[in-house]
Amino acid sequence: MPVTNEFFERTPTYASTLELAWQWFLRVVAAWSLILGILYWVRLIGFYDGAEWRFDLMPVHWQVAAVALAVLFPFAASGLWMLASWGPVIWFLCAAIEFGMYLGFPRLFGFHLEILIAHGIVAIIYCAFRAVFFLKARKQSD
């Protein structure tokens, strides 16, 4: 039996509008996560104009938090951009750390309501997308 191109051809798959919106959402969150990661790196290496915003001048609690987030935010950004399943997990870890910092220890880290609101909005949109995907899959299986 001769090998022809018909064995290697497949029907092209097209993403739905929902899937395209999901991909755009994840990539916007990835860009935002990368920016946050870069901002933590800028502070760690001393480009940030502030009294205690160089690693050797930071209090220990900021050193621990800044190093962790400087590594995790770009890692989350790469996972989100690649649409990998672990990307949102790492982003959630970053958001949980910042929630703990700014909500749990406002005397040490300050209270940044705008960051908490942004993380909350992203989490709500993420949950809404997952719920719609779940309902769509359940409807198709019936």
Protein backbone atom coordinates (compact mmCIF):
# COMPACT_ATOMS: atom_id res chain seq x y z
CA MET A 1 0.00 0.00 0.00
CA PRO A 2 1.63 3.25 -1.08
CA VAL A 3 1.89 6.06 1.42
CA THR A 4 -0.06 9.09 0.32
CA ASN A 5 -0.62 12.48 1.82
CA GLU A 6 -4.18 11.62 2.81
CA PHE A 7 -2.85 9.57 5.74
CA PHE A 8 -1.04 12.60 7.11
CA GLU A 9 -3.76 15.13 6.55
CA ARG A 10 -6.21 15.91 9.28
CA THR A 11 -9.19 18.11 9.62
CA PRO A 12 -8.14 21.51 10.91
CA THR A 13 -9.51 22.44 14.30
CA TYR A 14 -10.80 25.89 14.98
CA ALA A 15 -10.98 27.55 18.35
CA SER A 16 -14.33 28.85 19.48
CA THR A 17 -14.83 32.44 20.52
CA LEU A 18 -14.84 31.29 24.13
CA GLU A 19 -11.51 29.52 23.71
CA LEU A 20 -9.99 32.55 21.99
CA ALA A 21 -11.20 34.81 24.80
CA TRP A 22 -9.70 32.36 27.32
CA GLN A 23 -6.35 32.45 25.52
CA TRP A 24 -6.35 36.25 25.39
CA PHE A 25 -7.28 36.44 29.06
CA LEU A 26 -4.42 34.14 30.06
CA ARG A 27 -1.95 36.07 27.93
CA VAL A 28 -3.02 39.43 29.36
CA VAL A 29 -2.56 38.01 32.87
CA ALA A 30 0.81 36.64 31.72
CA ALA A 31 1.93 40.10 30.56
CA TRP A 32 0.76 41.62 33.83
CA SER A 33 2.58 38.91 35.82
CA LEU A 34 5.76 39.52 33.86
CA ILE A 35 5.55 43.25 34.59
CA LEU A 36 5.05 42.55 38.30
CA GLY A 37 8.00 40.15 38.27
CA ILE A 38 10.20 42.72 36.55
CA LEU A 39 9.16 45.34 39.10
CA TYR A 40 10.24 43.02 41.92
CA TRP A 41 13.57 42.44 40.16
CA VAL A 42 14.06 46.18 39.67
CA ARG A 43 13.60 46.67 43.39
CA LEU A 44 15.90 43.80 44.29
CA ILE A 45 18.82 45.01 42.21
CA GLY A 46 18.48 48.61 43.34
CA PHE A 47 17.12 50.49 40.32
CA TYR A 48 14.04 51.48 42.28
CA ASP A 49 14.26 54.93 43.81
CA GLY A 50 13.46 54.35 47.46
CA ALA A 51 15.12 54.26 50.86
CA GLU A 52 14.98 50.51 51.49
CA TRP A 53 14.54 49.16 47.97
CA ARG A 54 17.82 47.43 47.48
CA PHE A 55 18.22 43.85 48.63
CA ASP A 56 20.93 44.50 51.20
CA LEU A 57 18.97 47.42 52.67
CA MET A 58 15.58 45.69 52.79
CA PRO A 59 14.12 44.32 56.01
CA VAL A 60 14.20 40.52 56.16
CA HIS A 61 10.45 40.13 55.60
CA TRP A 62 10.72 42.12 52.36
CA GLN A 63 13.79 40.16 51.28
CA VAL A 64 11.94 36.86 51.59
CA ALA A 65 8.77 38.09 49.88
CA ALA A 66 10.54 40.02 47.10
CA VAL A 67 12.85 37.15 46.18
CA ALA A 68 9.99 34.64 46.09
CA LEU A 69 7.78 36.88 43.95
CA ALA A 70 10.64 37.96 41.67
CA VAL A 71 11.09 34.30 40.77
CA LEU A 72 7.46 33.15 40.80
CA PHE A 73 5.80 35.96 38.81
CA PRO A 74 7.94 35.47 35.65
CA PHE A 75 7.54 31.71 36.05
CA ALA A 76 3.76 32.16 36.21
CA ALA A 77 3.91 34.48 33.22
CA SER A 78 5.68 31.88 31.09
CA GLY A 79 3.17 29.19 32.07
CA LEU A 80 0.21 31.46 31.39
CA TRP A 81 1.62 32.59 28.05
CA MET A 82 2.17 28.99 26.94
CA LEU A 83 -1.39 28.15 28.07
CA ALA A 84 0.07 25.44 30.30
CA SER A 85 -2.10 24.01 33.03
CA TRP A 86 0.46 24.91 35.71
CA GLY A 87 0.51 28.62 34.79
CA PRO A 88 -2.66 29.56 36.68
CA VAL A 89 -1.50 27.48 39.65
CA ILE A 90 1.72 29.47 39.96
CA TRP A 91 -0.19 32.73 39.45
CA PHE A 92 -2.57 31.71 42.26
CA LEU A 93 0.44 31.07 44.50
CA CYS A 94 1.77 34.57 43.71
CA ALA A 95 -1.64 36.13 44.37
CA ALA A 96 -1.96 34.22 47.66
CA ILE A 97 1.47 35.44 48.76
CA GLU A 98 0.56 39.04 47.95
CA PHE A 99 -2.81 38.67 49.70
CA GLY A 100 -0.97 37.37 52.74
CA MET A 101 1.51 40.22 52.59
CA TYR A 102 -0.84 43.14 52.07
CA LEU A 103 -3.91 41.86 53.89
CA GLY A 104 -2.34 39.76 56.62
CA PHE A 105 0.65 41.94 57.47
CA PRO A 106 -0.17 45.54 56.49
CA ARG A 107 2.17 46.93 59.15
CA LEU A 108 5.12 45.19 57.54
CA PHE A 109 4.27 45.43 53.85
CA GLY A 110 1.74 48.24 53.65
CA PHE A 111 -1.81 47.95 52.41
CA HIS A 112 -2.11 47.95 48.61
CA LEU A 113 -5.81 47.71 47.88
CA GLU A 114 -5.32 48.11 44.12
CA ILE A 115 -3.17 44.98 43.91
CA LEU A 116 -5.65 42.99 45.99
CA ILE A 117 -8.57 44.17 43.84
CA ALA A 118 -6.69 43.32 40.64
CA HIS A 119 -5.89 39.81 41.87
CA GLY A 120 -9.50 39.38 42.98
CA ILE A 121 -10.85 40.44 39.59
CA VAL A 122 -8.49 38.06 37.79
CA ALA A 123 -9.55 35.21 40.10
CA ILE A 124 -13.25 35.93 39.52
CA ILE A 125 -12.82 36.04 35.74
CA TYR A 126 -10.76 32.84 35.87
CA CYS A 127 -13.48 31.06 37.88
CA ALA A 128 -16.15 32.33 35.48
CA PHE A 129 -14.25 30.95 32.47
CA ARG A 130 -13.75 27.59 34.19
CA ALA A 131 -17.46 27.42 35.10
CA VAL A 132 -18.49 28.15 31.51
CA PHE A 133 -16.07 25.50 30.21
CA PHE A 134 -17.47 23.01 32.73
CA LEU A 135 -21.08 23.73 31.76
CA LYS A 136 -20.22 23.55 28.07
CA ALA A 137 -18.51 20.17 28.50
CA ARG A 138 -21.41 18.85 30.57
CA LYS A 139 -23.90 20.01 27.94
CA GLN A 140 -21.92 18.32 25.16
CA SER A 141 -21.70 15.04 27.08
CA ASP A 142 -25.50 14.87 27.47
